[in-house]
C-alpha atoms as a PDB file:
ATOM      1  CA  MET A   1     258.668  74.656 -10.965  1.00  0.00           C
ATOM      2  CA  THR A   2     259.417  74.108 -14.621  1.00  0.00           C
ATOM      3  CA  SER A   3     262.449  75.422 -16.432  1.00  0.00           C
ATOM      4  CA  LYS A   4     260.581  78.571 -17.510  1.00  0.00           C
ATOM      5  CA  ALA A   5     261.965  81.817 -16.191  1.00  0.00           C
ATOM      6  CA  VAL A   6     259.750  83.854 -13.902  1.00  0.00           C
ATOM      7  CA  SER A   7     259.829  86.710 -16.414  1.00  0.00           C
ATOM      8  CA  GLU A   8     258.496  84.382 -19.131  1.00  0.00           C
ATOM      9  CA  ILE A   9     255.699  83.161 -16.870  1.00  0.00           C
ATOM     10  CA  ALA A  10     254.834  86.783 -16.052  1.00  0.00           C
ATOM     11  CA  ARG A  11     254.690  87.689 -19.767  1.00  0.00           C
ATOM     12  CA  GLU A  12     252.385  84.745 -20.449  1.00  0.00           C
ATOM     13  CA  ALA A  13     250.141  85.712 -17.529  1.00  0.00           C
ATOM     14  CA  LYS A  14     249.895  89.281 -18.814  1.00  0.00           C
ATOM     15  CA  ALA A  15     248.958  88.044 -22.295  1.00  0.00           C
ATOM     16  CA  ALA A  16     246.352  85.705 -20.817  1.00  0.00           C
ATOM     17  CA  ALA A  17     244.891  88.564 -18.772  1.00  0.00           C
ATOM     18  CA  LEU A  18     244.474  90.636 -21.931  1.00  0.00           C
ATOM     19  CA  GLU A  19     242.672  87.765 -23.646  1.00  0.00           C
ATOM     20  CA  MET A  20     240.465  87.217 -20.605  1.00  0.00           C
ATOM     21  CA  SER A  21     239.510  90.910 -20.522  1.00  0.00           C
ATOM     22  CA  ARG A  22     237.861  90.514 -23.933  1.00  0.00           C
ATOM     23  CA  LEU A  23     235.648  87.601 -22.853  1.00  0.00           C
ATOM     24  CA  PRO A  24     232.025  87.941 -21.740  1.00  0.00           C
ATOM     25  CA  SER A  25     231.488  88.358 -17.990  1.00  0.00           C
ATOM     26  CA  GLN A  26     229.770  84.980 -17.772  1.00  0.00           C
ATOM     27  CA  THR A  27     232.877  83.273 -19.181  1.00  0.00           C
ATOM     28  CA  LYS A  28     235.204  85.202 -16.875  1.00  0.00           C
ATOM     29  CA  ASN A  29     233.056  84.347 -13.862  1.00  0.00           C
ATOM     30  CA  ALA A  30     233.084  80.663 -14.800  1.00  0.00           C
ATOM     31  CA  ALA A  31     236.884  80.749 -15.086  1.00  0.00           C
ATOM     32  CA  LEU A  32     237.184  82.418 -11.681  1.00  0.00           C
ATOM     33  CA  GLU A  33     234.883  79.806 -10.129  1.00  0.00           C
ATOM     34  CA  GLU A  34     237.008  77.033 -11.622  1.00  0.00           C
ATOM     35  CA  MET A  35     240.195  78.621 -10.272  1.00  0.00           C
ATOM     36  CA  ALA A  36     238.640  78.928  -6.811  1.00  0.00           C
ATOM     37  CA  SER A  37     237.563  75.284  -6.898  1.00  0.00           C
ATOM     38  CA  SER A  38     241.041  74.242  -7.974  1.00  0.00           C
ATOM     39  CA  LEU A  39     242.640  76.191  -5.115  1.00  0.00           C
ATOM     40  CA  GLU A  40     240.345  74.482  -2.618  1.00  0.00           C
ATOM     41  CA  ALA A  41     240.778  71.017  -4.121  1.00  0.00           C
ATOM     42  CA  ASN A  42     244.571  71.308  -4.217  1.00  0.00           C
ATOM     43  CA  SER A  43     245.163  73.035  -0.895  1.00  0.00           C
ATOM     44  CA  ALA A  44     247.204  70.136   0.539  1.00  0.00           C
ATOM     45  CA  VAL A  45     249.569  70.194  -2.454  1.00  0.00           C
ATOM     46  CA  ILE A  46     249.801  73.982  -2.305  1.00  0.00           C
ATOM     47  CA  LEU A  47     250.581  73.923   1.416  1.00  0.00           C
ATOM     48  CA  GLU A  48     253.292  71.292   0.957  1.00  0.00           C
ATOM     49  CA  ALA A  49     254.929  73.321  -1.821  1.00  0.00           C
ATOM     50  CA  ASN A  50     254.712  76.410   0.377  1.00  0.00           C
ATOM     51  CA  ARG A  51     256.352  74.532   3.251  1.00  0.00           C
ATOM     52  CA  GLN A  52     259.252  73.684   0.952  1.00  0.00           C
ATOM     53  CA  ASP A  53     259.457  77.303  -0.208  1.00  0.00           C
ATOM     54  CA  MET A  54     259.467  78.482   3.406  1.00  0.00           C
ATOM     55  CA  ASP A  55     262.268  76.060   4.316  1.00  0.00           C
ATOM     56  CA  TYR A  56     264.314  77.340   1.381  1.00  0.00           C
ATOM     57  CA  ALA A  57     263.597  80.992   2.217  1.00  0.00           C
ATOM     58  CA  LYS A  58     264.743  80.484   5.805  1.00  0.00           C
ATOM     59  CA  LYS A  59     267.834  78.550   4.703  1.00  0.00           C
ATOM     60  CA  GLU A  60     268.728  81.404   2.346  1.00  0.00           C
ATOM     61  CA  ASN A  61     268.198  83.938   5.149  1.00  0.00           C
ATOM     62  CA  LEU A  62     265.548  85.952   3.345  1.00  0.00           C
ATOM     63  CA  PRO A  63     264.313  88.904   5.418  1.00  0.00           C
ATOM     64  CA  ALA A  64     261.753  87.861   8.047  1.00  0.00           C
ATOM     65  CA  PRO A  65     259.007  90.210   6.744  1.00  0.00           C
ATOM     66  CA  LEU A  66     259.308  88.647   3.274  1.00  0.00           C
ATOM     67  CA  VAL A  67     259.215  85.132   4.712  1.00  0.00           C
ATOM     68  CA  ALA A  68     256.116  86.063   6.713  1.00  0.00           C
ATOM     69  CA  ARG A  69     254.362  87.296   3.556  1.00  0.00           C
ATOM     70  CA  LEU A  70     255.209  84.040   1.769  1.00  0.00           C
ATOM     71  CA  ALA A  71     253.632  81.887   4.484  1.00  0.00           C
ATOM     72  CA  LEU A  72     250.358  80.196   3.586  1.00  0.00           C
ATOM     73  CA  ASP A  73     247.838  78.349   5.685  1.00  0.00           C
ATOM     74  CA  GLU A  74     244.394  76.915   5.001  1.00  0.00           C
ATOM     75  CA  THR A  75     242.725  80.221   5.927  1.00  0.00           C
ATOM     76  CA  LYS A  76     244.802  82.178   3.412  1.00  0.00           C
ATOM     77  CA  ILE A  77     244.053  79.664   0.666  1.00  0.00           C
ATOM     78  CA  GLN A  78     240.348  79.867   1.437  1.00  0.00           C
ATOM     79  CA  GLY A  79     240.627  83.671   1.250  1.00  0.00           C
ATOM     80  CA  MET A  80     242.243  83.414  -2.183  1.00  0.00           C
ATOM     81  CA  ALA A  81     239.388  81.230  -3.331  1.00  0.00           C
ATOM     82  CA  LYS A  82     236.735  83.761  -2.297  1.00  0.00           C
END
């Protein structure tokens, strides 16, 4: 992850969502399709990053239910892309 704080990333995402809400449906649908394609194309990278996150979460003794919610697999990524 970059040096940006999570709160800054969240603010930027909220601002982007507001901009997206003003776009025509066709444009929004195209953006969603591109995001879905990107998720599918980058699933190996996403899964590796998630594995590292899971290792860290376990090392830091995060609560088991939280760790379980963080876990990704190919099926979950495909579900995100749908």
